[in-house]
Full PDB file with SEQRES, HELIX, SHEET, SSBOND, CRYST1, ORIGX, SCALE, CONECT and MASTER records, all heavy atoms in Angstrom:
SEQRES   1 A   33  HIS VAL ALA LEU ASP SER PRO SER TYR TYR THR SER ILE          
SEQRES   2 A   33  THR ILE ASP GLN PRO ALA LYS VAL GLY ILE GLY GLN ALA          
SEQRES   3 A   33  ARG MET GLY PHE TRP LEU GLY                                  
HELIX    1 AA1 ILE A   13  ASP A   16  1                                   4    
HELIX    2 AA2 ALA A   19  ILE A   23  3                                   5    
HELIX    3 AA3 GLY A   24  MET A   28  1                                   5    
CRYST1    1.000    1.000    1.000  90.00  90.00  90.00 P 1           1          
ORIGX1      1.000000  0.000000  0.000000        0.00000                         
ORIGX2      0.000000  1.000000  0.000000        0.00000                         
ORIGX3      0.000000  0.000000  1.000000        0.00000                         
SCALE1      1.000000  0.000000  0.000000        0.00000                         
SCALE2      0.000000  1.000000  0.000000        0.00000                         
SCALE3      0.000000  0.000000  1.000000        0.00000                         
ATOM      1  N   HIS A   1       5.823  14.049  -4.826  1.00  0.00           N  
ATOM      2  CA  HIS A   1       4.638  14.313  -4.003  1.00  0.00           C  
ATOM      3  C   HIS A   1       4.975  14.690  -2.572  1.00  0.00           C  
ATOM      4  O   HIS A   1       4.335  15.528  -1.982  1.00  0.00           O  
ATOM      5  CB  HIS A   1       3.754  13.021  -3.993  1.00  0.00           C  
ATOM      6  CG  HIS A   1       2.792  12.966  -5.181  1.00  0.00           C  
ATOM      7  ND1 HIS A   1       1.583  13.516  -5.161  1.00  0.00           N  
ATOM      8  CD2 HIS A   1       2.954  12.375  -6.396  1.00  0.00           C  
ATOM      9  CE1 HIS A   1       0.955  13.279  -6.329  1.00  0.00           C  
ATOM     10  NE2 HIS A   1       1.764  12.564  -7.107  1.00  0.00           N  
ATOM     11  N   VAL A   2       6.021  14.030  -2.060  1.00  0.00           N  
ATOM     12  CA  VAL A   2       6.466  14.368  -0.718  1.00  0.00           C  
ATOM     13  C   VAL A   2       6.924  15.798  -0.627  1.00  0.00           C  
ATOM     14  O   VAL A   2       6.580  16.519   0.252  1.00  0.00           O  
ATOM     15  CB  VAL A   2       7.550  13.356  -0.224  1.00  0.00           C  
ATOM     16  CG1 VAL A   2       8.198  13.809   1.063  1.00  0.00           C  
ATOM     17  CG2 VAL A   2       6.962  11.967  -0.064  1.00  0.00           C  
ATOM     18  N   ALA A   3       7.756  16.203  -1.618  1.00  0.00           N  
ATOM     19  CA  ALA A   3       8.307  17.539  -1.623  1.00  0.00           C  
ATOM     20  C   ALA A   3       7.173  18.527  -1.854  1.00  0.00           C  
ATOM     21  O   ALA A   3       7.206  19.665  -1.267  1.00  0.00           O  
ATOM     22  CB  ALA A   3       9.326  17.662  -2.719  1.00  0.00           C  
ATOM     23  N   LEU A   4       6.177  18.217  -2.606  1.00  0.00           N  
ATOM     24  CA  LEU A   4       5.049  19.060  -2.855  1.00  0.00           C  
ATOM     25  C   LEU A   4       4.088  19.125  -1.687  1.00  0.00           C  
ATOM     26  O   LEU A   4       3.252  20.044  -1.609  1.00  0.00           O  
ATOM     27  CB  LEU A   4       4.339  18.593  -4.080  1.00  0.00           C  
ATOM     28  CG  LEU A   4       3.174  19.410  -4.724  1.00  0.00           C  
ATOM     29  CD1 LEU A   4       3.748  20.733  -5.276  1.00  0.00           C  
ATOM     30  CD2 LEU A   4       2.455  18.668  -5.807  1.00  0.00           C  
ATOM     31  N   ASP A   5       4.171  18.160  -0.803  1.00  0.00           N  
ATOM     32  CA  ASP A   5       3.259  18.012   0.365  1.00  0.00           C  
ATOM     33  C   ASP A   5       1.809  17.624  -0.115  1.00  0.00           C  
ATOM     34  O   ASP A   5       0.871  18.098   0.396  1.00  0.00           O  
ATOM     35  CB  ASP A   5       3.217  19.223   1.198  1.00  0.00           C  
ATOM     36  CG  ASP A   5       2.548  18.977   2.587  1.00  0.00           C  
ATOM     37  OD1 ASP A   5       2.650  17.852   3.067  1.00  0.00           O  
ATOM     38  OD2 ASP A   5       2.063  19.918   3.192  1.00  0.00           O  
ATOM     39  N   SER A   6       1.791  16.808  -1.178  1.00  0.00           N  
ATOM     40  CA  SER A   6       0.498  16.337  -1.692  1.00  0.00           C  
ATOM     41  C   SER A   6       0.384  14.836  -1.444  1.00  0.00           C  
ATOM     42  O   SER A   6       1.188  14.068  -1.988  1.00  0.00           O  
ATOM     43  CB  SER A   6       0.374  16.659  -3.185  1.00  0.00           C  
ATOM     44  OG  SER A   6      -0.792  15.930  -3.681  1.00  0.00           O  
ATOM     45  N   PRO A   7      -0.628  14.379  -0.745  1.00  0.00           N  
ATOM     46  CA  PRO A   7      -0.855  12.917  -0.559  1.00  0.00           C  
ATOM     47  C   PRO A   7      -1.536  12.282  -1.768  1.00  0.00           C  
ATOM     48  O   PRO A   7      -1.693  11.038  -1.792  1.00  0.00           O  
ATOM     49  CB  PRO A   7      -1.775  12.867   0.706  1.00  0.00           C  
ATOM     50  CG  PRO A   7      -2.611  14.101   0.573  1.00  0.00           C  
ATOM     51  CD  PRO A   7      -1.651  15.179  -0.027  1.00  0.00           C  
ATOM     52  N   SER A   8      -1.875  13.067  -2.800  1.00  0.00           N  
ATOM     53  CA  SER A   8      -2.650  12.597  -3.875  1.00  0.00           C  
ATOM     54  C   SER A   8      -1.878  11.787  -4.914  1.00  0.00           C  
ATOM     55  O   SER A   8      -1.787  12.146  -6.114  1.00  0.00           O  
ATOM     56  CB  SER A   8      -3.372  13.758  -4.564  1.00  0.00           C  
ATOM     57  OG  SER A   8      -4.123  14.520  -3.681  1.00  0.00           O  
ATOM     58  N   TYR A   9      -1.246  10.718  -4.399  1.00  0.00           N  
ATOM     59  CA  TYR A   9      -0.396   9.819  -5.215  1.00  0.00           C  
ATOM     60  C   TYR A   9      -1.173   8.544  -5.381  1.00  0.00           C  
ATOM     61  O   TYR A   9      -1.503   7.858  -4.429  1.00  0.00           O  
ATOM     62  CB  TYR A   9       0.935   9.603  -4.506  1.00  0.00           C  
ATOM     63  CG  TYR A   9       1.806   8.546  -5.090  1.00  0.00           C  
ATOM     64  CD1 TYR A   9       2.555   8.788  -6.265  1.00  0.00           C  
ATOM     65  CD2 TYR A   9       1.918   7.263  -4.483  1.00  0.00           C  
ATOM     66  CE1 TYR A   9       3.371   7.794  -6.835  1.00  0.00           C  
ATOM     67  CE2 TYR A   9       2.753   6.327  -5.012  1.00  0.00           C  
ATOM     68  CZ  TYR A   9       3.473   6.557  -6.191  1.00  0.00           C  
ATOM     69  OH  TYR A   9       4.279   5.581  -6.668  1.00  0.00           O  
ATOM     70  N   TYR A  10      -1.503   8.215  -6.625  1.00  0.00           N  
ATOM     71  CA  TYR A  10      -2.318   7.052  -6.919  1.00  0.00           C  
ATOM     72  C   TYR A  10      -1.559   6.169  -7.894  1.00  0.00           C  
ATOM     73  O   TYR A  10      -0.890   6.612  -8.762  1.00  0.00           O  
ATOM     74  CB  TYR A  10      -3.634   7.502  -7.578  1.00  0.00           C  
ATOM     75  CG  TYR A  10      -4.522   8.332  -6.731  1.00  0.00           C  
ATOM     76  CD1 TYR A  10      -4.361   9.758  -6.679  1.00  0.00           C  
ATOM     77  CD2 TYR A  10      -5.605   7.842  -5.993  1.00  0.00           C  
ATOM     78  CE1 TYR A  10      -5.190  10.550  -5.882  1.00  0.00           C  
ATOM     79  CE2 TYR A  10      -6.408   8.584  -5.243  1.00  0.00           C  
ATOM     80  CZ  TYR A  10      -6.177  10.010  -5.149  1.00  0.00           C  
ATOM     81  OH  TYR A  10      -7.020  10.807  -4.393  1.00  0.00           O  
ATOM     82  N   THR A  11      -1.818   4.817  -7.794  1.00  0.00           N  
ATOM     83  CA  THR A  11      -1.264   3.855  -8.742  1.00  0.00           C  
ATOM     84  C   THR A  11      -2.294   2.782  -9.047  1.00  0.00           C  
ATOM     85  O   THR A  11      -3.380   2.705  -8.423  1.00  0.00           O  
ATOM     86  CB  THR A  11       0.012   3.161  -8.224  1.00  0.00           C  
ATOM     87  OG1 THR A  11      -0.356   2.055  -7.403  1.00  0.00           O  
ATOM     88  CG2 THR A  11       0.895   4.087  -7.517  1.00  0.00           C  
ATOM     89  N   SER A  12      -2.053   1.987 -10.039  1.00  0.00           N  
ATOM     90  CA  SER A  12      -2.936   0.899 -10.467  1.00  0.00           C  
ATOM     91  C   SER A  12      -2.994  -0.229  -9.397  1.00  0.00           C  
ATOM     92  O   SER A  12      -3.889  -1.069  -9.515  1.00  0.00           O  
ATOM     93  CB  SER A  12      -2.551   0.338 -11.855  1.00  0.00           C  
ATOM     94  OG  SER A  12      -1.233  -0.040 -11.818  1.00  0.00           O  
ATOM     95  N   ILE A  13      -2.074  -0.267  -8.478  1.00  0.00           N  
ATOM     96  CA  ILE A  13      -2.090  -1.298  -7.462  1.00  0.00           C  
ATOM     97  C   ILE A  13      -3.454  -1.338  -6.741  1.00  0.00           C  
ATOM     98  O   ILE A  13      -4.004  -2.398  -6.447  1.00  0.00           O  
ATOM     99  CB  ILE A  13      -0.952  -1.150  -6.490  1.00  0.00           C  
ATOM    100  CG1 ILE A  13       0.370  -1.607  -7.122  1.00  0.00           C  
ATOM    101  CG2 ILE A  13      -1.201  -1.956  -5.211  1.00  0.00           C  
ATOM    102  CD1 ILE A  13       1.590  -1.461  -6.179  1.00  0.00           C  
ATOM    103  N   THR A  14      -3.945  -0.138  -6.393  1.00  0.00           N  
ATOM    104  CA  THR A  14      -5.187  -0.117  -5.618  1.00  0.00           C  
ATOM    105  C   THR A  14      -6.444  -0.250  -6.471  1.00  0.00           C  
ATOM    106  O   THR A  14      -7.565  -0.152  -5.947  1.00  0.00           O  
ATOM    107  CB  THR A  14      -5.265   1.222  -4.799  1.00  0.00           C  
ATOM    108  OG1 THR A  14      -4.999   2.327  -5.687  1.00  0.00           O  
ATOM    109  CG2 THR A  14      -4.258   1.232  -3.704  1.00  0.00           C  
ATOM    110  N   ILE A  15      -6.251  -0.566  -7.773  1.00  0.00           N  
ATOM    111  CA  ILE A  15      -7.389  -0.927  -8.623  1.00  0.00           C  
ATOM    112  C   ILE A  15      -7.716  -2.409  -8.409  1.00  0.00           C  
ATOM    113  O   ILE A  15      -8.866  -2.844  -8.393  1.00  0.00           O  
ATOM    114  CB  ILE A  15      -7.187  -0.620 -10.112  1.00  0.00           C  
ATOM    115  CG1 ILE A  15      -7.186   0.894 -10.323  1.00  0.00           C  
ATOM    116  CG2 ILE A  15      -8.199  -1.343 -10.985  1.00  0.00           C  
ATOM    117  CD1 ILE A  15      -6.969   1.303 -11.775  1.00  0.00           C  
ATOM    118  N   ASP A  16      -6.624  -3.285  -8.361  1.00  0.00           N  
ATOM    119  CA  ASP A  16      -6.909  -4.695  -8.421  1.00  0.00           C  
ATOM    120  C   ASP A  16      -6.260  -5.577  -7.382  1.00  0.00           C  
ATOM    121  O   ASP A  16      -6.597  -6.779  -7.262  1.00  0.00           O  
ATOM    122  CB  ASP A  16      -6.521  -5.245  -9.790  1.00  0.00           C  
ATOM    123  CG  ASP A  16      -5.028  -5.022 -10.085  1.00  0.00           C  
ATOM    124  OD1 ASP A  16      -4.200  -4.683  -9.214  1.00  0.00           O  
ATOM    125  OD2 ASP A  16      -4.655  -5.193 -11.281  1.00  0.00           O  
ATOM    126  N   GLN A  17      -5.364  -5.067  -6.480  1.00  0.00           N  
ATOM    127  CA  GLN A  17      -4.707  -5.988  -5.531  1.00  0.00           C  
ATOM    128  C   GLN A  17      -4.162  -5.373  -4.272  1.00  0.00           C  
ATOM    129  O   GLN A  17      -3.129  -5.788  -3.787  1.00  0.00           O  
ATOM    130  CB  GLN A  17      -3.637  -6.777  -6.240  1.00  0.00           C  
ATOM    131  CG  GLN A  17      -2.594  -5.933  -6.974  1.00  0.00           C  
ATOM    132  CD  GLN A  17      -1.653  -6.766  -7.744  1.00  0.00           C  
ATOM    133  OE1 GLN A  17      -1.321  -7.881  -7.382  1.00  0.00           O  
ATOM    134  NE2 GLN A  17      -1.187  -6.203  -8.889  1.00  0.00           N  
ATOM    135  N   PRO A  18      -4.764  -4.306  -3.707  1.00  0.00           N  
ATOM    136  CA  PRO A  18      -4.165  -3.668  -2.530  1.00  0.00           C  
ATOM    137  C   PRO A  18      -4.123  -4.556  -1.293  1.00  0.00           C  
ATOM    138  O   PRO A  18      -3.229  -4.437  -0.459  1.00  0.00           O  
ATOM    139  CB  PRO A  18      -5.075  -2.491  -2.272  1.00  0.00           C  
ATOM    140  CG  PRO A  18      -6.406  -2.857  -2.907  1.00  0.00           C  
ATOM    141  CD  PRO A  18      -6.031  -3.649  -4.118  1.00  0.00           C  
ATOM    142  N   ALA A  19      -5.046  -5.560  -1.170  1.00  0.00           N  
ATOM    143  CA  ALA A  19      -5.051  -6.426   0.002  1.00  0.00           C  
ATOM    144  C   ALA A  19      -3.816  -7.302   0.008  1.00  0.00           C  
ATOM    145  O   ALA A  19      -3.249  -7.592   1.047  1.00  0.00           O  
ATOM    146  CB  ALA A  19      -6.299  -7.298  -0.014  1.00  0.00           C  
ATOM    147  N   LYS A  20      -3.386  -7.718  -1.215  1.00  0.00           N  
ATOM    148  CA  LYS A  20      -2.239  -8.620  -1.333  1.00  0.00           C  
ATOM    149  C   LYS A  20      -0.918  -8.042  -0.986  1.00  0.00           C  
ATOM    150  O   LYS A  20       0.004  -8.708  -0.534  1.00  0.00           O  
ATOM    151  CB  LYS A  20      -2.264  -9.267  -2.734  1.00  0.00           C  
ATOM    152  CG  LYS A  20      -1.164 -10.245  -3.021  1.00  0.00           C  
ATOM    153  CD  LYS A  20      -1.483 -11.128  -4.211  1.00  0.00           C  
ATOM    154  CE  LYS A  20      -1.687 -10.376  -5.434  1.00  0.00           C  
ATOM    155  NZ  LYS A  20      -2.137 -11.202  -6.575  1.00  0.00           N  
ATOM    156  N   VAL A  21      -0.799  -6.758  -1.199  1.00  0.00           N  
ATOM    157  CA  VAL A  21       0.505  -6.077  -1.043  1.00  0.00           C  
ATOM    158  C   VAL A  21       0.514  -5.031   0.022  1.00  0.00           C  
ATOM    159  O   VAL A  21       1.222  -4.038  -0.145  1.00  0.00           O  
ATOM    160  CB  VAL A  21       0.974  -5.526  -2.406  1.00  0.00           C  
ATOM    161  CG1 VAL A  21       1.324  -6.614  -3.370  1.00  0.00           C  
ATOM    162  CG2 VAL A  21      -0.054  -4.565  -3.004  1.00  0.00           C  
ATOM    163  N   GLY A  22      -0.309  -5.173   1.078  1.00  0.00           N  
ATOM    164  CA  GLY A  22      -0.291  -4.209   2.123  1.00  0.00           C  
ATOM    165  C   GLY A  22      -1.281  -4.425   3.212  1.00  0.00           C  
ATOM    166  O   GLY A  22      -0.984  -4.606   4.406  1.00  0.00           O  
ATOM    167  N   ILE A  23      -2.558  -4.486   2.816  1.00  0.00           N  
ATOM    168  CA  ILE A  23      -3.607  -4.547   3.794  1.00  0.00           C  
ATOM    169  C   ILE A  23      -3.604  -5.875   4.560  1.00  0.00           C  
ATOM    170  O   ILE A  23      -3.714  -5.885   5.777  1.00  0.00           O  
ATOM    171  CB  ILE A  23      -4.992  -4.327   3.138  1.00  0.00           C  
ATOM    172  CG1 ILE A  23      -5.157  -2.942   2.556  1.00  0.00           C  
ATOM    173  CG2 ILE A  23      -6.160  -4.633   4.126  1.00  0.00           C  
ATOM    174  CD1 ILE A  23      -6.342  -2.729   1.700  1.00  0.00           C  
ATOM    175  N   GLY A  24      -3.332  -6.976   3.832  1.00  0.00           N  
ATOM    176  CA  GLY A  24      -3.290  -8.261   4.476  1.00  0.00           C  
ATOM    177  C   GLY A  24      -2.196  -8.355   5.550  1.00  0.00           C  
ATOM    178  O   GLY A  24      -2.374  -8.828   6.635  1.00  0.00           O  
ATOM    179  N   GLN A  25      -1.031  -7.789   5.190  1.00  0.00           N  
ATOM    180  CA  GLN A  25       0.128  -7.801   6.108  1.00  0.00           C  
ATOM    181  C   GLN A  25      -0.106  -6.851   7.257  1.00  0.00           C  
ATOM    182  O   GLN A  25       0.299  -7.168   8.416  1.00  0.00           O  
ATOM    183  CB  GLN A  25       1.419  -7.449   5.371  1.00  0.00           C  
ATOM    184  CG  GLN A  25       1.809  -8.433   4.318  1.00  0.00           C  
ATOM    185  CD  GLN A  25       1.102  -8.298   2.990  1.00  0.00           C  
ATOM    186  OE1 GLN A  25       0.201  -7.426   2.894  1.00  0.00           O  
ATOM    187  NE2 GLN A  25       1.502  -9.044   2.002  1.00  0.00           N  
ATOM    188  N   ALA A  26      -0.763  -5.745   7.020  1.00  0.00           N  
ATOM    189  CA  ALA A  26      -1.051  -4.772   8.070  1.00  0.00           C  
ATOM    190  C   ALA A  26      -1.973  -5.400   9.157  1.00  0.00           C  
ATOM    191  O   ALA A  26      -1.804  -5.073  10.307  1.00  0.00           O  
ATOM    192  CB  ALA A  26      -1.621  -3.513   7.501  1.00  0.00           C  
ATOM    193  N   ARG A  27      -2.928  -6.145   8.706  1.00  0.00           N  
ATOM    194  CA  ARG A  27      -3.954  -6.697   9.629  1.00  0.00           C  
ATOM    195  C   ARG A  27      -3.444  -7.881  10.366  1.00  0.00           C  
ATOM    196  O   ARG A  27      -3.732  -8.118  11.524  1.00  0.00           O  
ATOM    197  CB  ARG A  27      -5.229  -7.082   8.872  1.00  0.00           C  
ATOM    198  CG  ARG A  27      -5.923  -5.887   8.216  1.00  0.00           C  
ATOM    199  CD  ARG A  27      -7.079  -6.391   7.319  1.00  0.00           C  
ATOM    200  NE  ARG A  27      -8.195  -6.701   8.159  1.00  0.00           N  
ATOM    201  CZ  ARG A  27      -9.242  -7.428   7.750  1.00  0.00           C  
ATOM    202  NH1 ARG A  27      -9.281  -7.926   6.550  1.00  0.00           N  
ATOM    203  NH2 ARG A  27     -10.298  -7.643   8.569  1.00  0.00           N  
ATOM    204  N   MET A  28      -2.693  -8.801   9.681  1.00  0.00           N  
ATOM    205  CA  MET A  28      -2.321 -10.072  10.277  1.00  0.00           C  
ATOM    206  C   MET A  28      -0.890 -10.104  10.735  1.00  0.00           C  
ATOM    207  O   MET A  28      -0.562 -10.864  11.658  1.00  0.00           O  
ATOM    208  CB  MET A  28      -2.526 -11.201   9.233  1.00  0.00           C  
ATOM    209  CG  MET A  28      -2.198 -12.540   9.726  1.00  0.00           C  
ATOM    210  SD  MET A  28      -2.602 -13.777   8.411  1.00  0.00           S  
ATOM    211  CE  MET A  28      -1.888 -15.228   9.156  1.00  0.00           C  
ATOM    212  N   GLY A  29      -0.031  -9.279  10.134  1.00  0.00           N  
ATOM    213  CA  GLY A  29       1.373  -9.466  10.328  1.00  0.00           C  
ATOM    214  C   GLY A  29       1.957 -10.321   9.216  1.00  0.00           C  
ATOM    215  O   GLY A  29       1.202 -10.768   8.341  1.00  0.00           O  
ATOM    216  N   PHE A  30       3.212 -10.557   9.253  1.00  0.00           N  
ATOM    217  CA  PHE A  30       3.856 -11.409   8.190  1.00  0.00           C  
ATOM    218  C   PHE A  30       5.113 -12.056   8.745  1.00  0.00           C  
ATOM    219  O   PHE A  30       5.632 -11.686   9.828  1.00  0.00           O  
ATOM    220  CB  PHE A  30       4.180 -10.558   6.956  1.00  0.00           C  
ATOM    221  CG  PHE A  30       5.091  -9.401   7.213  1.00  0.00           C  
ATOM    222  CD1 PHE A  30       6.447  -9.420   7.057  1.00  0.00           C  
ATOM    223  CD2 PHE A  30       4.549  -8.133   7.631  1.00  0.00           C  
ATOM    224  CE1 PHE A  30       7.303  -8.410   7.255  1.00  0.00           C  
ATOM    225  CE2 PHE A  30       5.388  -7.050   7.852  1.00  0.00           C  
ATOM    226  CZ  PHE A  30       6.751  -7.162   7.677  1.00  0.00           C  
ATOM    227  N   TRP A  31       5.600 -13.019   8.034  1.00  0.00           N  
ATOM    228  CA  TRP A  31       6.708 -13.885   8.449  1.00  0.00           C  
ATOM    229  C   TRP A  31       8.017 -13.331   7.913  1.00  0.00           C  
ATOM    230  O   TRP A  31       8.180 -13.221   6.719  1.00  0.00           O  
ATOM    231  CB  TRP A  31       6.527 -15.339   8.054  1.00  0.00           C  
ATOM    232  CG  TRP A  31       7.488 -16.306   8.592  1.00  0.00           C  
ATOM    233  CD1 TRP A  31       8.530 -16.931   7.953  1.00  0.00           C  
ATOM    234  CD2 TRP A  31       7.559 -16.766   9.960  1.00  0.00           C  
ATOM    235  NE1 TRP A  31       9.204 -17.748   8.827  1.00  0.00           N  
ATOM    236  CE2 TRP A  31       8.618 -17.649  10.050  1.00  0.00           C  
ATOM    237  CE3 TRP A  31       6.786 -16.518  11.096  1.00  0.00           C  
ATOM    238  CZ2 TRP A  31       8.933 -18.315  11.231  1.00  0.00           C  
ATOM    239  CZ3 TRP A  31       7.082 -17.137  12.306  1.00  0.00           C  
ATOM    240  CH2 TRP A  31       8.154 -18.047  12.327  1.00  0.00           C  
ATOM    241  N   LEU A  32       8.923 -12.965   8.825  1.00  0.00           N  
ATOM    242  CA  LEU A  32      10.156 -12.354   8.420  1.00  0.00           C  
ATOM    243  C   LEU A  32      11.068 -13.232   7.599  1.00  0.00           C  
ATOM    244  O   LEU A  32      11.892 -12.781   6.774  1.00  0.00           O  
ATOM    245  CB  LEU A  32      10.908 -11.809   9.640  1.00  0.00           C  
ATOM    246  CG  LEU A  32      12.022 -10.818   9.449  1.00  0.00           C  
ATOM    247  CD1 LEU A  32      11.500  -9.593   8.705  1.00  0.00           C  
ATOM    248  CD2 LEU A  32      12.644 -10.414  10.776  1.00  0.00           C  
ATOM    249  N   GLY A  33      10.881 -14.518   7.774  1.00  0.00           N  
ATOM    250  CA  GLY A  33      11.728 -15.481   7.000  1.00  0.00           C  
ATOM    251  C   GLY A  33      11.244 -15.817   5.643  1.00  0.00           C  
ATOM    252  O   GLY A  33      11.903 -16.519   4.824  1.00  0.00           O  
TER     253      GLY A  33                                                      
MASTER        0    0    0    3    0    0    0    6  252    1    0    3          
END                                                                             
């Protein structure tokens, strides 16, 4: 997708748990330890 210059990359993660593996950390931060 990067080589094609297409952002249209989709996975099943964003069907059921995107907050747990990205959005939550983006908004609050996370603990490096």
